[in-house]
Full PDB file with SEQRES, HELIX, SHEET, SSBOND, CRYST1, ORIGX, SCALE, CONECT and MASTER records, all heavy atoms in Angstrom:
SEQRES   1 A   44  MET ASP PRO GLU SER VAL GLY ARG VAL VAL ALA LEU ALA          
SEQRES   2 A   44  ASP SER SER ASP ALA ILE VAL VAL SER ASP VAL PRO PHE          
SEQRES   3 A   44  GLY HIS GLY ASN VAL ASP ASN LEU ARG ILE ALA ALA GLU          
SEQRES   4 A   44  ARG ALA GLU SER GLY                                          
HELIX    1 AA1 PRO A    3  ASP A   14  1                                  12    
HELIX    2 AA2 VAL A   31  GLU A   42  1                                  12    
CRYST1    1.000    1.000    1.000  90.00  90.00  90.00 P 1           1          
ORIGX1      1.000000  0.000000  0.000000        0.00000                         
ORIGX2      0.000000  1.000000  0.000000        0.00000                         
ORIGX3      0.000000  0.000000  1.000000        0.00000                         
SCALE1      1.000000  0.000000  0.000000        0.00000                         
SCALE2      0.000000  1.000000  0.000000        0.00000                         
SCALE3      0.000000  0.000000  1.000000        0.00000                         
ATOM      1  N   MET A   1       3.492   1.538 -10.810  1.00  0.00           N  
ATOM      2  CA  MET A   1       4.247   2.013  -9.660  1.00  0.00           C  
ATOM      3  C   MET A   1       5.719   1.661  -9.842  1.00  0.00           C  
ATOM      4  O   MET A   1       6.057   0.572 -10.325  1.00  0.00           O  
ATOM      5  CB  MET A   1       3.707   1.390  -8.378  1.00  0.00           C  
ATOM      6  CG  MET A   1       2.294   1.830  -8.028  1.00  0.00           C  
ATOM      7  SD  MET A   1       1.610   1.001  -6.561  1.00  0.00           S  
ATOM      8  CE  MET A   1       2.658   1.678  -5.263  1.00  0.00           C  
ATOM      9  N   ASP A   2       6.590   2.590  -9.465  1.00  0.00           N  
ATOM     10  CA  ASP A   2       8.028   2.363  -9.534  1.00  0.00           C  
ATOM     11  C   ASP A   2       8.580   2.391  -8.110  1.00  0.00           C  
ATOM     12  O   ASP A   2       7.837   2.650  -7.152  1.00  0.00           O  
ATOM     13  CB  ASP A   2       8.700   3.410 -10.423  1.00  0.00           C  
ATOM     14  CG  ASP A   2       8.426   4.836  -9.960  1.00  0.00           C  
ATOM     15  OD1 ASP A   2       7.966   5.018  -8.811  1.00  0.00           O  
ATOM     16  OD2 ASP A   2       8.671   5.773 -10.731  1.00  0.00           O  
ATOM     17  N   PRO A   3       9.883   2.103  -7.935  1.00  0.00           N  
ATOM     18  CA  PRO A   3      10.425   2.083  -6.562  1.00  0.00           C  
ATOM     19  C   PRO A   3      10.207   3.375  -5.802  1.00  0.00           C  
ATOM     20  O   PRO A   3       9.970   3.352  -4.578  1.00  0.00           O  
ATOM     21  CB  PRO A   3      11.916   1.807  -6.794  1.00  0.00           C  
ATOM     22  CG  PRO A   3      11.948   1.006  -8.068  1.00  0.00           C  
ATOM     23  CD  PRO A   3      10.872   1.595  -8.927  1.00  0.00           C  
ATOM     24  N   GLU A   4      10.253   4.497  -6.491  1.00  0.00           N  
ATOM     25  CA  GLU A   4      10.056   5.777  -5.796  1.00  0.00           C  
ATOM     26  C   GLU A   4       8.629   5.902  -5.271  1.00  0.00           C  
ATOM     27  O   GLU A   4       8.410   6.304  -4.117  1.00  0.00           O  
ATOM     28  CB  GLU A   4      10.370   6.942  -6.743  1.00  0.00           C  
ATOM     29  CG  GLU A   4      10.224   8.309  -6.080  1.00  0.00           C  
ATOM     30  CD  GLU A   4      10.562   9.450  -7.016  1.00  0.00           C  
ATOM     31  OE1 GLU A   4      11.034   9.181  -8.149  1.00  0.00           O  
ATOM     32  OE2 GLU A   4      10.365  10.609  -6.635  1.00  0.00           O  
ATOM     33  N   SER A   5       7.651   5.558  -6.104  1.00  0.00           N  
ATOM     34  CA  SER A   5       6.266   5.664  -5.653  1.00  0.00           C  
ATOM     35  C   SER A   5       5.960   4.625  -4.579  1.00  0.00           C  
ATOM     36  O   SER A   5       5.197   4.890  -3.641  1.00  0.00           O  
ATOM     37  CB  SER A   5       5.303   5.520  -6.830  1.00  0.00           C  
ATOM     38  OG  SER A   5       5.429   4.262  -7.455  1.00  0.00           O  
ATOM     39  N   VAL A   6       6.554   3.433  -4.682  1.00  0.00           N  
ATOM     40  CA  VAL A   6       6.380   2.425  -3.633  1.00  0.00           C  
ATOM     41  C   VAL A   6       6.908   2.957  -2.304  1.00  0.00           C  
ATOM     42  O   VAL A   6       6.254   2.841  -1.259  1.00  0.00           O  
ATOM     43  CB  VAL A   6       7.094   1.109  -4.014  1.00  0.00           C  
ATOM     44  CG1 VAL A   6       7.122   0.156  -2.816  1.00  0.00           C  
ATOM     45  CG2 VAL A   6       6.391   0.446  -5.193  1.00  0.00           C  
ATOM     46  N   GLY A   7       8.089   3.559  -2.345  1.00  0.00           N  
ATOM     47  CA  GLY A   7       8.654   4.122  -1.120  1.00  0.00           C  
ATOM     48  C   GLY A   7       7.789   5.217  -0.543  1.00  0.00           C  
ATOM     49  O   GLY A   7       7.648   5.334   0.688  1.00  0.00           O  
ATOM     50  N   ARG A   8       7.174   6.006  -1.420  1.00  0.00           N  
ATOM     51  CA  ARG A   8       6.301   7.082  -0.955  1.00  0.00           C  
ATOM     52  C   ARG A   8       5.058   6.513  -0.278  1.00  0.00           C  
ATOM     53  O   ARG A   8       4.630   6.992   0.777  1.00  0.00           O  
ATOM     54  CB  ARG A   8       5.901   7.963  -2.139  1.00  0.00           C  
ATOM     55  CG  ARG A   8       4.935   9.080  -1.803  1.00  0.00           C  
ATOM     56  CD  ARG A   8       5.547  10.103  -0.883  1.00  0.00           C  
ATOM     57  NE  ARG A   8       4.634  11.197  -0.624  1.00  0.00           N  
ATOM     58  CZ  ARG A   8       4.493  11.795   0.546  1.00  0.00           C  
ATOM     59  NH1 ARG A   8       5.231  11.411   1.587  1.00  0.00           N  
ATOM     60  NH2 ARG A   8       3.646  12.775   0.704  1.00  0.00           N  
ATOM     61  N   VAL A   9       4.457   5.463  -0.852  1.00  0.00           N  
ATOM     62  CA  VAL A   9       3.275   4.857  -0.242  1.00  0.00           C  
ATOM     63  C   VAL A   9       3.647   4.213   1.090  1.00  0.00           C  
ATOM     64  O   VAL A   9       2.881   4.279   2.062  1.00  0.00           O  
ATOM     65  CB  VAL A   9       2.632   3.835  -1.194  1.00  0.00           C  
ATOM     66  CG1 VAL A   9       1.443   3.143  -0.518  1.00  0.00           C  
ATOM     67  CG2 VAL A   9       2.166   4.511  -2.481  1.00  0.00           C  
ATOM     68  N   VAL A  10       4.814   3.584   1.179  1.00  0.00           N  
ATOM     69  CA  VAL A  10       5.263   2.998   2.442  1.00  0.00           C  
ATOM     70  C   VAL A  10       5.338   4.081   3.523  1.00  0.00           C  
ATOM     71  O   VAL A  10       4.877   3.885   4.659  1.00  0.00           O  
ATOM     72  CB  VAL A  10       6.634   2.308   2.271  1.00  0.00           C  
ATOM     73  CG1 VAL A  10       7.256   1.986   3.633  1.00  0.00           C  
ATOM     74  CG2 VAL A  10       6.487   1.028   1.443  1.00  0.00           C  
ATOM     75  N   ALA A  11       5.904   5.230   3.167  1.00  0.00           N  
ATOM     76  CA  ALA A  11       6.011   6.325   4.141  1.00  0.00           C  
ATOM     77  C   ALA A  11       4.633   6.813   4.564  1.00  0.00           C  
ATOM     78  O   ALA A  11       4.389   7.085   5.752  1.00  0.00           O  
ATOM     79  CB  ALA A  11       6.833   7.465   3.543  1.00  0.00           C  
ATOM     80  N   LEU A  12       3.711   6.936   3.607  1.00  0.00           N  
ATOM     81  CA  LEU A  12       2.355   7.371   3.941  1.00  0.00           C  
ATOM     82  C   LEU A  12       1.662   6.336   4.814  1.00  0.00           C  
ATOM     83  O   LEU A  12       0.977   6.679   5.784  1.00  0.00           O  
ATOM     84  CB  LEU A  12       1.552   7.612   2.660  1.00  0.00           C  
ATOM     85  CG  LEU A  12       1.966   8.831   1.819  1.00  0.00           C  
ATOM     86  CD1 LEU A  12       1.288   8.804   0.452  1.00  0.00           C  
ATOM     87  CD2 LEU A  12       1.629  10.124   2.553  1.00  0.00           C  
ATOM     88  N   ALA A  13       1.839   5.044   4.495  1.00  0.00           N  
ATOM     89  CA  ALA A  13       1.225   3.983   5.294  1.00  0.00           C  
ATOM     90  C   ALA A  13       1.751   3.987   6.716  1.00  0.00           C  
ATOM     91  O   ALA A  13       0.997   3.783   7.681  1.00  0.00           O  
ATOM     92  CB  ALA A  13       1.464   2.623   4.625  1.00  0.00           C  
ATOM     93  N   ASP A  14       3.061   4.226   6.856  1.00  0.00           N  
ATOM     94  CA  ASP A  14       3.661   4.229   8.191  1.00  0.00           C  
ATOM     95  C   ASP A  14       3.163   5.402   9.037  1.00  0.00           C  
ATOM     96  O   ASP A  14       3.245   5.352  10.267  1.00  0.00           O  
ATOM     97  CB  ASP A  14       5.188   4.284   8.072  1.00  0.00           C  
ATOM     98  CG  ASP A  14       5.780   2.958   7.609  1.00  0.00           C  
ATOM     99  OD1 ASP A  14       5.067   1.931   7.691  1.00  0.00           O  
ATOM    100  OD2 ASP A  14       6.939   2.951   7.150  1.00  0.00           O  
ATOM    101  N   SER A  15       2.647   6.448   8.366  1.00  0.00           N  
ATOM    102  CA  SER A  15       2.157   7.609   9.116  1.00  0.00           C  
ATOM    103  C   SER A  15       0.664   7.524   9.407  1.00  0.00           C  
ATOM    104  O   SER A  15       0.100   8.432  10.020  1.00  0.00           O  
ATOM    105  CB  SER A  15       2.434   8.893   8.324  1.00  0.00           C  
ATOM    106  OG  SER A  15       1.575   8.991   7.190  1.00  0.00           O  
ATOM    107  N   SER A  16       0.008   6.451   8.957  1.00  0.00           N  
ATOM    108  CA  SER A  16      -1.447   6.365   9.073  1.00  0.00           C  
ATOM    109  C   SER A  16      -1.866   5.589  10.316  1.00  0.00           C  
ATOM    110  O   SER A  16      -1.138   4.734  10.817  1.00  0.00           O  
ATOM    111  CB  SER A  16      -2.040   5.714   7.824  1.00  0.00           C  
ATOM    112  OG  SER A  16      -1.624   4.366   7.727  1.00  0.00           O  
ATOM    113  N   ASP A  17      -3.083   5.904  10.787  1.00  0.00           N  
ATOM    114  CA  ASP A  17      -3.680   5.185  11.904  1.00  0.00           C  
ATOM    115  C   ASP A  17      -4.526   4.009  11.429  1.00  0.00           C  
ATOM    116  O   ASP A  17      -4.845   3.115  12.216  1.00  0.00           O  
ATOM    117  CB  ASP A  17      -4.561   6.131  12.734  1.00  0.00           C  
ATOM    118  CG  ASP A  17      -3.750   7.275  13.317  1.00  0.00           C  
ATOM    119  OD1 ASP A  17      -2.772   7.001  14.037  1.00  0.00           O  
ATOM    120  OD2 ASP A  17      -4.093   8.445  13.036  1.00  0.00           O  
ATOM    121  N   ALA A  18      -4.921   4.035  10.161  1.00  0.00           N  
ATOM    122  CA  ALA A  18      -5.719   2.954   9.589  1.00  0.00           C  
ATOM    123  C   ALA A  18      -5.581   3.013   8.070  1.00  0.00           C  
ATOM    124  O   ALA A  18      -5.192   4.041   7.508  1.00  0.00           O  
ATOM    125  CB  ALA A  18      -7.183   3.077  10.003  1.00  0.00           C  
ATOM    126  N   ILE A  19      -5.896   1.896   7.429  1.00  0.00           N  
ATOM    127  CA  ILE A  19      -5.826   1.807   5.967  1.00  0.00           C  
ATOM    128  C   ILE A  19      -7.141   1.223   5.464  1.00  0.00           C  
ATOM    129  O   ILE A  19      -7.672   0.272   6.045  1.00  0.00           O  
ATOM    130  CB  ILE A  19      -4.650   0.913   5.516  1.00  0.00           C  
ATOM    131  CG1 ILE A  19      -3.314   1.522   5.959  1.00  0.00           C  
ATOM    132  CG2 ILE A  19      -4.671   0.717   3.997  1.00  0.00           C  
ATOM    133  CD1 ILE A  19      -2.110   0.624   5.693  1.00  0.00           C  
ATOM    134  N   VAL A  20      -7.663   1.828   4.399  1.00  0.00           N  
ATOM    135  CA  VAL A  20      -8.855   1.292   3.744  1.00  0.00           C  
ATOM    136  C   VAL A  20      -8.495   0.977   2.298  1.00  0.00           C  
ATOM    137  O   VAL A  20      -7.960   1.828   1.578  1.00  0.00           O  
ATOM    138  CB  VAL A  20     -10.021   2.293   3.764  1.00  0.00           C  
ATOM    139  CG1 VAL A  20     -11.240   1.691   3.048  1.00  0.00           C  
ATOM    140  CG2 VAL A  20     -10.388   2.675   5.186  1.00  0.00           C  
ATOM    141  N   VAL A  21      -8.795  -0.240   1.873  1.00  0.00           N  
ATOM    142  CA  VAL A  21      -8.580  -0.652   0.483  1.00  0.00           C  
ATOM    143  C   VAL A  21      -9.929  -0.602  -0.223  1.00  0.00           C  
ATOM    144  O   VAL A  21     -10.858  -1.327   0.151  1.00  0.00           O  
ATOM    145  CB  VAL A  21      -7.975  -2.065   0.400  1.00  0.00           C  
ATOM    146  CG1 VAL A  21      -7.774  -2.461  -1.066  1.00  0.00           C  
ATOM    147  CG2 VAL A  21      -6.655  -2.125   1.162  1.00  0.00           C  
ATOM    148  N   SER A  22     -10.067   0.267  -1.205  1.00  0.00           N  
ATOM    149  CA  SER A  22     -11.334   0.394  -1.932  1.00  0.00           C  
ATOM    150  C   SER A  22     -11.529  -0.792  -2.867  1.00  0.00           C  
ATOM    151  O   SER A  22     -10.671  -1.683  -2.964  1.00  0.00           O  
ATOM    152  CB  SER A  22     -11.354   1.706  -2.726  1.00  0.00           C  
ATOM    153  OG  SER A  22     -10.515   1.591  -3.865  1.00  0.00           O  
ATOM    154  N   ASP A  23     -12.646  -0.793  -3.597  1.00  0.00           N  
ATOM    155  CA  ASP A  23     -12.935  -1.902  -4.513  1.00  0.00           C  
ATOM    156  C   ASP A  23     -12.297  -1.687  -5.888  1.00  0.00           C  
ATOM    157  O   ASP A  23     -12.884  -1.994  -6.916  1.00  0.00           O  
ATOM    158  CB  ASP A  23     -14.443  -2.108  -4.646  1.00  0.00           C  
ATOM    159  CG  ASP A  23     -15.183  -0.836  -5.045  1.00  0.00           C  
ATOM    160  OD1 ASP A  23     -14.539   0.224  -5.152  1.00  0.00           O  
ATOM    161  OD2 ASP A  23     -16.412  -0.909  -5.253  1.00  0.00           O  
ATOM    162  N   VAL A  24     -11.069  -1.192  -5.875  1.00  0.00           N  
ATOM    163  CA  VAL A  24     -10.321  -0.952  -7.108  1.00  0.00           C  
ATOM    164  C   VAL A  24      -9.811  -2.276  -7.670  1.00  0.00           C  
ATOM    165  O   VAL A  24      -9.420  -3.171  -6.913  1.00  0.00           O  
ATOM    166  CB  VAL A  24      -9.139   0.015  -6.839  1.00  0.00           C  
ATOM    167  CG1 VAL A  24      -8.198  -0.544  -5.798  1.00  0.00           C  
ATOM    168  CG2 VAL A  24      -8.400   0.350  -8.116  1.00  0.00           C  
ATOM    169  N   PRO A  25      -9.804  -2.454  -8.992  1.00  0.00           N  
ATOM    170  CA  PRO A  25      -9.150  -3.636  -9.577  1.00  0.00           C  
ATOM    171  C   PRO A  25      -7.636  -3.539  -9.414  1.00  0.00           C  
ATOM    172  O   PRO A  25      -7.068  -2.437  -9.427  1.00  0.00           O  
ATOM    173  CB  PRO A  25      -9.544  -3.566 -11.061  1.00  0.00           C  
ATOM    174  CG  PRO A  25     -10.705  -2.641 -11.121  1.00  0.00           C  
ATOM    175  CD  PRO A  25     -10.515  -1.656 -10.014  1.00  0.00           C  
ATOM    176  N   PHE A  26      -6.972  -4.683  -9.273  1.00  0.00           N  
ATOM    177  CA  PHE A  26      -5.520  -4.698  -9.113  1.00  0.00           C  
ATOM    178  C   PHE A  26      -4.874  -5.460 -10.268  1.00  0.00           C  
ATOM    179  O   PHE A  26      -5.255  -6.582 -10.589  1.00  0.00           O  
ATOM    180  CB  PHE A  26      -5.119  -5.357  -7.786  1.00  0.00           C  
ATOM    181  CG  PHE A  26      -5.448  -4.513  -6.589  1.00  0.00           C  
ATOM    182  CD1 PHE A  26      -6.573  -4.793  -5.820  1.00  0.00           C  
ATOM    183  CD2 PHE A  26      -4.653  -3.434  -6.256  1.00  0.00           C  
ATOM    184  CE1 PHE A  26      -6.881  -4.018  -4.724  1.00  0.00           C  
ATOM    185  CE2 PHE A  26      -4.959  -2.644  -5.158  1.00  0.00           C  
ATOM    186  CZ  PHE A  26      -6.080  -2.933  -4.388  1.00  0.00           C  
ATOM    187  N   GLY A  27      -3.892  -4.793 -10.880  1.00  0.00           N  
ATOM    188  CA  GLY A  27      -3.048  -5.415 -11.884  1.00  0.00           C  
ATOM    189  C   GLY A  27      -1.608  -5.297 -11.452  1.00  0.00           C  
ATOM    190  O   GLY A  27      -1.298  -4.829 -10.344  1.00  0.00           O  
ATOM    191  N   HIS A  28      -0.690  -5.705 -12.329  1.00  0.00           N  
ATOM    192  CA  HIS A  28       0.727  -5.642 -11.970  1.00  0.00           C  
ATOM    193  C   HIS A  28       1.176  -4.199 -11.709  1.00  0.00           C  
ATOM    194  O   HIS A  28       2.119  -3.976 -10.940  1.00  0.00           O  
ATOM    195  CB  HIS A  28       1.569  -6.266 -13.080  1.00  0.00           C  
ATOM    196  CG  HIS A  28       1.344  -7.747 -13.223  1.00  0.00           C  
ATOM    197  ND1 HIS A  28       1.721  -8.655 -12.255  1.00  0.00           N  
ATOM    198  CD2 HIS A  28       0.761  -8.477 -14.217  1.00  0.00           C  
ATOM    199  CE1 HIS A  28       1.398  -9.876 -12.637  1.00  0.00           C  
ATOM    200  NE2 HIS A  28       0.807  -9.801 -13.832  1.00  0.00           N  
ATOM    201  N   GLY A  29       0.494  -3.229 -12.312  1.00  0.00           N  
ATOM    202  CA  GLY A  29       0.930  -1.841 -12.158  1.00  0.00           C  
ATOM    203  C   GLY A  29       0.618  -1.231 -10.813  1.00  0.00           C  
ATOM    204  O   GLY A  29       1.300  -0.287 -10.397  1.00  0.00           O  
ATOM    205  N   ASN A  30      -0.416  -1.741 -10.134  1.00  0.00           N  
ATOM    206  CA  ASN A  30      -0.791  -1.117  -8.859  1.00  0.00           C  
ATOM    207  C   ASN A  30      -0.888  -2.087  -7.692  1.00  0.00           C  
ATOM    208  O   ASN A  30      -1.282  -1.708  -6.589  1.00  0.00           O  
ATOM    209  CB  ASN A  30      -2.121  -0.377  -9.017  1.00  0.00           C  
ATOM    210  CG  ASN A  30      -3.315  -1.315  -9.202  1.00  0.00           C  
ATOM    211  OD1 ASN A  30      -3.144  -2.447  -9.631  1.00  0.00           O  
ATOM    212  ND2 ASN A  30      -4.509  -0.829  -8.902  1.00  0.00           N  
ATOM    213  N   VAL A  31      -0.532  -3.359  -7.901  1.00  0.00           N  
ATOM    214  CA  VAL A  31      -0.699  -4.343  -6.838  1.00  0.00           C  
ATOM    215  C   VAL A  31       0.195  -4.053  -5.641  1.00  0.00           C  
ATOM    216  O   VAL A  31      -0.083  -4.505  -4.517  1.00  0.00           O  
ATOM    217  CB  VAL A  31      -0.447  -5.769  -7.386  1.00  0.00           C  
ATOM    218  CG1 VAL A  31       1.041  -6.037  -7.601  1.00  0.00           C  
ATOM    219  CG2 VAL A  31      -1.074  -6.820  -6.468  1.00  0.00           C  
ATOM    220  N   ASP A  32       1.250  -3.252  -5.834  1.00  0.00           N  
ATOM    221  CA  ASP A  32       2.099  -2.892  -4.697  1.00  0.00           C  
ATOM    222  C   ASP A  32       1.328  -2.084  -3.655  1.00  0.00           C  
ATOM    223  O   ASP A  32       1.666  -2.116  -2.460  1.00  0.00           O  
ATOM    224  CB  ASP A  32       3.327  -2.113  -5.163  1.00  0.00           C  
ATOM    225  CG  ASP A  32       4.419  -3.031  -5.709  1.00  0.00           C  
ATOM    226  OD1 ASP A  32       4.539  -4.165  -5.207  1.00  0.00           O  
ATOM    227  OD2 ASP A  32       5.137  -2.618  -6.635  1.00  0.00           O  
ATOM    228  N   ASN A  33       0.307  -1.337  -4.082  1.00  0.00           N  
ATOM    229  CA  ASN A  33      -0.553  -0.653  -3.109  1.00  0.00           C  
ATOM    230  C   ASN A  33      -1.159  -1.657  -2.146  1.00  0.00           C  
ATOM    231  O   ASN A  33      -1.178  -1.461  -0.924  1.00  0.00           O  
ATOM    232  CB  ASN A  33      -1.687   0.089  -3.830  1.00  0.00           C  
ATOM    233  CG  ASN A  33      -1.311   1.487  -4.283  1.00  0.00           C  
ATOM    234  OD1 ASN A  33      -0.570   2.177  -3.608  1.00  0.00           O  
ATOM    235  ND2 ASN A  33      -1.832   1.895  -5.428  1.00  0.00           N  
ATOM    236  N   LEU A  34      -1.680  -2.769  -2.693  1.00  0.00           N  
ATOM    237  CA  LEU A  34      -2.300  -3.805  -1.863  1.00  0.00           C  
ATOM    238  C   LEU A  34      -1.251  -4.540  -1.033  1.00  0.00           C  
ATOM    239  O   LEU A  34      -1.506  -4.894   0.122  1.00  0.00           O  
ATOM    240  CB  LEU A  34      -3.065  -4.786  -2.753  1.00  0.00           C  
ATOM    241  CG  LEU A  34      -3.823  -5.915  -2.051  1.00  0.00           C  
ATOM    242  CD1 LEU A  34      -4.787  -5.373  -1.004  1.00  0.00           C  
ATOM    243  CD2 LEU A  34      -4.561  -6.776  -3.069  1.00  0.00           C  
ATOM    244  N   ARG A  35      -0.065  -4.746  -1.591  1.00  0.00           N  
ATOM    245  CA  ARG A  35       1.006  -5.409  -0.854  1.00  0.00           C  
ATOM    246  C   ARG A  35       1.352  -4.615   0.416  1.00  0.00           C  
ATOM    247  O   ARG A  35       1.509  -5.187   1.507  1.00  0.00           O  
ATOM    248  CB  ARG A  35       2.246  -5.539  -1.745  1.00  0.00           C  
ATOM    249  CG  ARG A  35       3.375  -6.372  -1.107  1.00  0.00           C  
ATOM    250  CD  ARG A  35       4.619  -6.356  -1.989  1.00  0.00           C  
ATOM    251  NE  ARG A  35       4.286  -6.604  -3.383  1.00  0.00           N  
ATOM    252  CZ  ARG A  35       4.046  -7.810  -3.895  1.00  0.00           C  
ATOM    253  NH1 ARG A  35       4.088  -8.870  -3.116  1.00  0.00           N  
ATOM    254  NH2 ARG A  35       3.763  -7.941  -5.183  1.00  0.00           N  
ATOM    255  N   ILE A  36       1.444  -3.300   0.261  1.00  0.00           N  
ATOM    256  CA  ILE A  36       1.790  -2.459   1.418  1.00  0.00           C  
ATOM    257  C   ILE A  36       0.690  -2.534   2.472  1.00  0.00           C  
ATOM    258  O   ILE A  36       0.959  -2.600   3.682  1.00  0.00           O  
ATOM    259  CB  ILE A  36       2.042  -1.019   0.952  1.00  0.00           C  
ATOM    260  CG1 ILE A  36       3.309  -0.965   0.074  1.00  0.00           C  
ATOM    261  CG2 ILE A  36       2.161  -0.067   2.137  1.00  0.00           C  
ATOM    262  CD1 ILE A  36       3.445   0.306  -0.728  1.00  0.00           C  
ATOM    263  N   ALA A  37      -0.584  -2.546   2.032  1.00  0.00           N  
ATOM    264  CA  ALA A  37      -1.692  -2.649   2.988  1.00  0.00           C  
ATOM    265  C   ALA A  37      -1.651  -3.977   3.723  1.00  0.00           C  
ATOM    266  O   ALA A  37      -1.855  -4.038   4.949  1.00  0.00           O  
ATOM    267  CB  ALA A  37      -3.021  -2.483   2.257  1.00  0.00           C  
ATOM    268  N   ALA A  38      -1.375  -5.068   2.993  1.00  0.00           N  
ATOM    269  CA  ALA A  38      -1.312  -6.390   3.641  1.00  0.00           C  
ATOM    270  C   ALA A  38      -0.177  -6.459   4.642  1.00  0.00           C  
ATOM    271  O   ALA A  38      -0.334  -6.999   5.754  1.00  0.00           O  
ATOM    272  CB  ALA A  38      -1.154  -7.472   2.563  1.00  0.00           C  
ATOM    273  N   GLU A  39       0.971  -5.893   4.282  1.00  0.00           N  
ATOM    274  CA  GLU A  39       2.118  -5.904   5.198  1.00  0.00           C  
ATOM    275  C   GLU A  39       1.821  -5.090   6.451  1.00  0.00           C  
ATOM    276  O   GLU A  39       2.230  -5.481   7.559  1.00  0.00           O  
ATOM    277  CB  GLU A  39       3.351  -5.366   4.488  1.00  0.00           C  
ATOM    278  CG  GLU A  39       3.882  -6.308   3.399  1.00  0.00           C  
ATOM    279  CD  GLU A  39       4.966  -5.667   2.534  1.00  0.00           C  
ATOM    280  OE1 GLU A  39       5.197  -4.441   2.677  1.00  0.00           O  
ATOM    281  OE2 GLU A  39       5.568  -6.388   1.717  1.00  0.00           O  
ATOM    282  N   ARG A  40       1.106  -3.978   6.311  1.00  0.00           N  
ATOM    283  CA  ARG A  40       0.793  -3.174   7.485  1.00  0.00           C  
ATOM    284  C   ARG A  40      -0.237  -3.883   8.364  1.00  0.00           C  
ATOM    285  O   ARG A  40      -0.206  -3.753   9.587  1.00  0.00           O  
ATOM    286  CB  ARG A  40       0.286  -1.782   7.064  1.00  0.00           C  
ATOM    287  CG  ARG A  40       1.355  -0.918   6.394  1.00  0.00           C  
ATOM    288  CD  ARG A  40       2.591  -0.836   7.284  1.00  0.00           C  
ATOM    289  NE  ARG A  40       3.737  -0.230   6.643  1.00  0.00           N  
ATOM    290  CZ  ARG A  40       4.553  -0.821   5.789  1.00  0.00           C  
ATOM    291  NH1 ARG A  40       4.324  -2.073   5.384  1.00  0.00           N  
ATOM    292  NH2 ARG A  40       5.610  -0.207   5.315  1.00  0.00           N  
ATOM    293  N   ALA A  41      -1.151  -4.635   7.728  1.00  0.00           N  
ATOM    294  CA  ALA A  41      -2.081  -5.432   8.532  1.00  0.00           C  
ATOM    295  C   ALA A  41      -1.323  -6.454   9.365  1.00  0.00           C  
ATOM    296  O   ALA A  41      -1.632  -6.680  10.546  1.00  0.00           O  
ATOM    297  CB  ALA A  41      -3.089  -6.125   7.613  1.00  0.00           C  
ATOM    298  N   GLU A  42      -0.311  -7.045   8.777  1.00  0.00           N  
ATOM    299  CA  GLU A  42       0.491  -8.040   9.492  1.00  0.00           C  
ATOM    300  C   GLU A  42       1.316  -7.427  10.611  1.00  0.00           C  
ATOM    301  O   GLU A  42       1.676  -8.108  11.572  1.00  0.00           O  
ATOM    302  CB  GLU A  42       1.404  -8.766   8.499  1.00  0.00           C  
ATOM    303  CG  GLU A  42       0.615  -9.663   7.536  1.00  0.00           C  
ATOM    304  CD  GLU A  42       1.459 -10.201   6.396  1.00  0.00           C  
ATOM    305  OE1 GLU A  42       2.495  -9.563   6.062  1.00  0.00           O  
ATOM    306  OE2 GLU A  42       1.095 -11.233   5.816  1.00  0.00           O  
ATOM    307  N   SER A  43       1.593  -6.119  10.488  1.00  0.00           N  
ATOM    308  CA  SER A  43       2.364  -5.455  11.542  1.00  0.00           C  
ATOM    309  C   SER A  43       1.463  -4.763  12.563  1.00  0.00           C  
ATOM    310  O   SER A  43       1.960  -4.074  13.452  1.00  0.00           O  
ATOM    311  CB  SER A  43       3.336  -4.440  10.931  1.00  0.00           C  
ATOM    312  OG  SER A  43       2.632  -3.393  10.274  1.00  0.00           O  
ATOM    313  N   GLY A  44       0.131  -4.929  12.423  1.00  0.00           N  
ATOM    314  CA  GLY A  44      -0.777  -4.440  13.450  1.00  0.00           C  
ATOM    315  C   GLY A  44      -1.577  -3.204  13.105  1.00  0.00           C  
ATOM    316  O   GLY A  44      -2.399  -2.759  13.917  1.00  0.00           O  
TER     317      GLY A  44                                                      
MASTER        0    0    0    2    0    0    0    6  316    1    0    4          
END                                                                             
């Protein structure tokens, strides 16, 4: 993931009513997906 794709996921997360994190493995390349989900959980 690069800054552009991170920004795109943030926008998609902000438009969602709920988030589901599948049982995908996380490495340095995709952990920002999980970071965005955790931050949205913290914001309600």
